[in-house]
Amino acid sequence: MLLGNLRPGLGVATLVRIHAVGLALAAASLAVAPEAEAKFRIALALSDPTPTVGQRVSVVIRADVRPEAGLVMRLLAVPPGVGLYAALRREDRFSVPLVRKGAVWRGTVRFRRPGRWRLVVPNWGAPGYAMPPPVVRLVPVRPP
């Protein structure tokens, strides 16, 4: 029990004041601490928003970040019937290779079968992934 740990001469009121001062100092330090790196906008564009099966589609990801920032953007092409969590667990199977130039990443994807595919940017350039992902784009793929 907290009161059982009191030193002789310290009353409950003194203990409450000590805790109140500690909480006030913690709140003040949070108020003046530098803000964590903010998330940024990400835009995803396709050369053809309604491709056919097997068609090469150019993908461009733009982010409003400094070009010198060491971000590693990723892109997944998730086929119909595959859950997002399953795709994230097996990211190597669904990953689209990207080439970066400044704040722009480019890649090419071919959709292997018809249906509603999802193009997913799973992060803001950090390791791991965010939930919900910052970008999820549905792509209706037509039969050949």
Protein backbone atom coordinates (compact mmCIF):
# COMPACT_ATOMS: atom_id res chain seq x y z
CA MET A 1 0.00 0.00 0.00
CA LEU A 2 1.31 3.46 -0.89
CA LEU A 3 0.51 5.03 2.46
CA GLY A 4 2.39 2.26 4.25
CA ASN A 5 5.59 3.44 2.50
CA LEU A 6 5.43 6.98 3.92
CA ARG A 7 8.46 8.22 5.77
CA PRO A 8 7.79 9.46 9.26
CA GLY A 9 6.68 13.07 9.20
CA LEU A 10 5.18 12.97 5.66
CA GLY A 11 1.43 13.25 5.68
CA VAL A 12 -1.05 12.38 2.97
CA ALA A 13 -1.40 16.06 1.97
CA THR A 14 2.36 16.34 1.44
CA LEU A 15 2.38 13.19 -0.66
CA VAL A 16 -0.48 14.51 -2.80
CA ARG A 17 1.41 17.81 -3.34
CA ILE A 18 4.57 15.94 -4.38
CA HIS A 19 2.61 13.88 -6.91
CA ALA A 20 0.80 16.97 -8.22
CA VAL A 21 4.11 18.79 -8.76
CA GLY A 22 5.53 15.71 -10.52
CA LEU A 23 2.52 15.49 -12.82
CA ALA A 24 2.70 19.21 -13.59
CA LEU A 25 6.40 18.91 -14.47
CA ALA A 26 5.73 15.90 -16.71
CA ALA A 27 2.92 17.74 -18.51
CA ALA A 28 5.10 20.82 -18.99
CA SER A 29 7.96 18.75 -20.42
CA LEU A 30 5.58 17.14 -22.91
CA ALA A 31 4.26 20.54 -23.94
CA VAL A 32 7.73 21.88 -24.77
CA ALA A 33 9.23 18.65 -26.14
CA PRO A 34 9.91 18.63 -29.90
CA GLU A 35 7.07 17.22 -31.93
CA ALA A 36 7.58 13.72 -33.31
CA GLU A 37 8.25 13.58 -37.03
CA ALA A 38 4.93 14.26 -38.66
CA LYS A 39 3.37 11.99 -41.20
CA PHE A 40 3.29 13.33 -44.71
CA ARG A 41 1.03 13.11 -47.73
CA ILE A 42 1.49 10.27 -50.20
CA ALA A 43 -0.08 10.23 -53.67
CA LEU A 44 -0.32 7.14 -55.88
CA ALA A 45 -0.88 7.43 -59.64
CA LEU A 46 -1.30 4.74 -62.32
CA SER A 47 -0.67 4.98 -66.04
CA ASP A 48 -4.00 3.12 -66.54
CA PRO A 49 -6.53 3.04 -63.68
CA THR A 50 -8.50 0.15 -65.27
CA PRO A 51 -5.90 -2.19 -66.82
CA THR A 52 -6.41 -5.59 -68.41
CA VAL A 53 -4.78 -8.82 -67.25
CA GLY A 54 -1.08 -8.91 -68.18
CA GLN A 55 -0.88 -5.23 -69.13
CA ARG A 56 2.18 -3.32 -67.86
CA VAL A 57 1.06 -0.47 -65.63
CA SER A 58 3.44 2.26 -64.47
CA VAL A 59 3.00 3.29 -60.85
CA VAL A 60 4.24 6.57 -59.40
CA ILE A 61 4.31 7.36 -55.69
CA ARG A 62 4.90 10.97 -54.69
CA ALA A 63 5.51 12.13 -51.13
CA ASP A 64 5.79 15.66 -49.81
CA VAL A 65 9.12 15.07 -48.09
CA ARG A 66 12.59 16.48 -48.55
CA PRO A 67 14.39 14.56 -51.32
CA GLU A 68 17.38 13.95 -49.05
CA ALA A 69 15.23 12.22 -46.41
CA GLY A 70 16.26 8.57 -46.19
CA LEU A 71 12.82 7.10 -46.70
CA VAL A 72 12.24 3.64 -48.10
CA MET A 73 8.79 3.49 -49.65
CA ARG A 74 7.18 0.11 -50.35
CA LEU A 75 4.32 -0.96 -52.58
CA LEU A 76 2.29 -4.17 -52.51
CA ALA A 77 0.02 -5.47 -55.27
CA VAL A 78 -2.57 -7.55 -53.39
CA PRO A 79 -4.65 -9.85 -55.64
CA PRO A 80 -8.37 -10.54 -55.19
CA GLY A 81 -9.07 -13.04 -52.42
CA VAL A 82 -5.88 -12.29 -50.45
CA GLY A 83 -6.34 -10.47 -47.16
CA LEU A 84 -4.28 -7.42 -46.32
CA TYR A 85 -2.73 -9.01 -43.21
CA ALA A 86 -1.79 -12.12 -45.21
CA ALA A 87 -0.12 -9.92 -47.84
CA LEU A 88 1.79 -8.01 -45.16
CA ARG A 89 3.00 -11.26 -43.60
CA ARG A 90 4.26 -12.46 -47.00
CA GLU A 91 5.30 -9.08 -48.32
CA ASP A 92 8.03 -10.63 -50.49
CA ARG A 93 5.34 -12.35 -52.64
CA PHE A 94 3.37 -9.16 -53.30
CA SER A 95 6.08 -6.51 -53.37
CA VAL A 96 6.50 -4.23 -56.40
CA PRO A 97 10.12 -3.13 -56.99
CA LEU A 98 10.45 0.66 -56.81
CA VAL A 99 13.15 3.07 -57.97
CA ARG A 100 13.48 6.36 -56.14
CA LYS A 101 14.44 9.73 -57.55
CA GLY A 102 14.04 12.54 -55.03
CA ALA A 103 10.57 12.37 -53.48
CA VAL A 104 9.20 10.16 -56.31
CA TRP A 105 9.19 6.36 -56.46
CA ARG A 106 8.42 4.54 -59.73
CA GLY A 107 7.61 0.94 -60.48
CA THR A 108 5.80 -1.32 -62.91
CA VAL A 109 3.17 -3.91 -62.10
CA ARG A 110 1.40 -6.59 -64.17
CA PHE A 111 -1.85 -7.93 -62.80
CA ARG A 112 -2.00 -11.72 -63.31
CA ARG A 113 -5.75 -12.20 -63.10
CA PRO A 114 -8.98 -10.18 -63.31
CA GLY A 115 -10.76 -8.75 -60.29
CA ARG A 116 -10.37 -5.98 -57.73
CA TRP A 117 -6.69 -5.71 -56.83
CA ARG A 118 -5.38 -3.46 -54.08
CA LEU A 119 -2.23 -1.39 -54.39
CA VAL A 120 -1.03 -0.73 -50.85
CA VAL A 121 1.66 1.58 -49.50
CA PRO A 122 1.96 -0.01 -46.04
CA ASN A 123 4.06 2.63 -44.30
CA TRP A 124 5.24 6.24 -44.21
CA GLY A 125 8.77 5.29 -45.17
CA ALA A 126 9.51 3.62 -41.82
CA PRO A 127 10.15 -0.07 -41.15
CA GLY A 128 7.06 -2.14 -40.54
CA TYR A 129 3.59 -1.02 -41.53
CA ALA A 130 0.84 1.26 -40.32
CA MET A 131 -2.80 0.38 -39.70
CA PRO A 132 -4.68 1.55 -41.53
CA PRO A 133 -2.09 1.85 -44.30
CA PRO A 134 -1.60 5.41 -45.57
CA VAL A 135 -2.56 4.43 -49.14
CA VAL A 136 -4.90 1.67 -50.35
CA ARG A 137 -5.99 2.01 -53.98
CA LEU A 138 -8.52 -0.37 -55.52
CA VAL A 139 -7.70 -1.29 -59.11
CA PRO A 140 -10.37 -3.06 -61.18
CA VAL A 141 -8.51 -5.39 -63.56
CA ARG A 142 -10.43 -6.44 -66.67
CA PRO A 143 -10.14 -9.81 -68.40
CA PRO A 144 -7.93 -9.83 -71.52
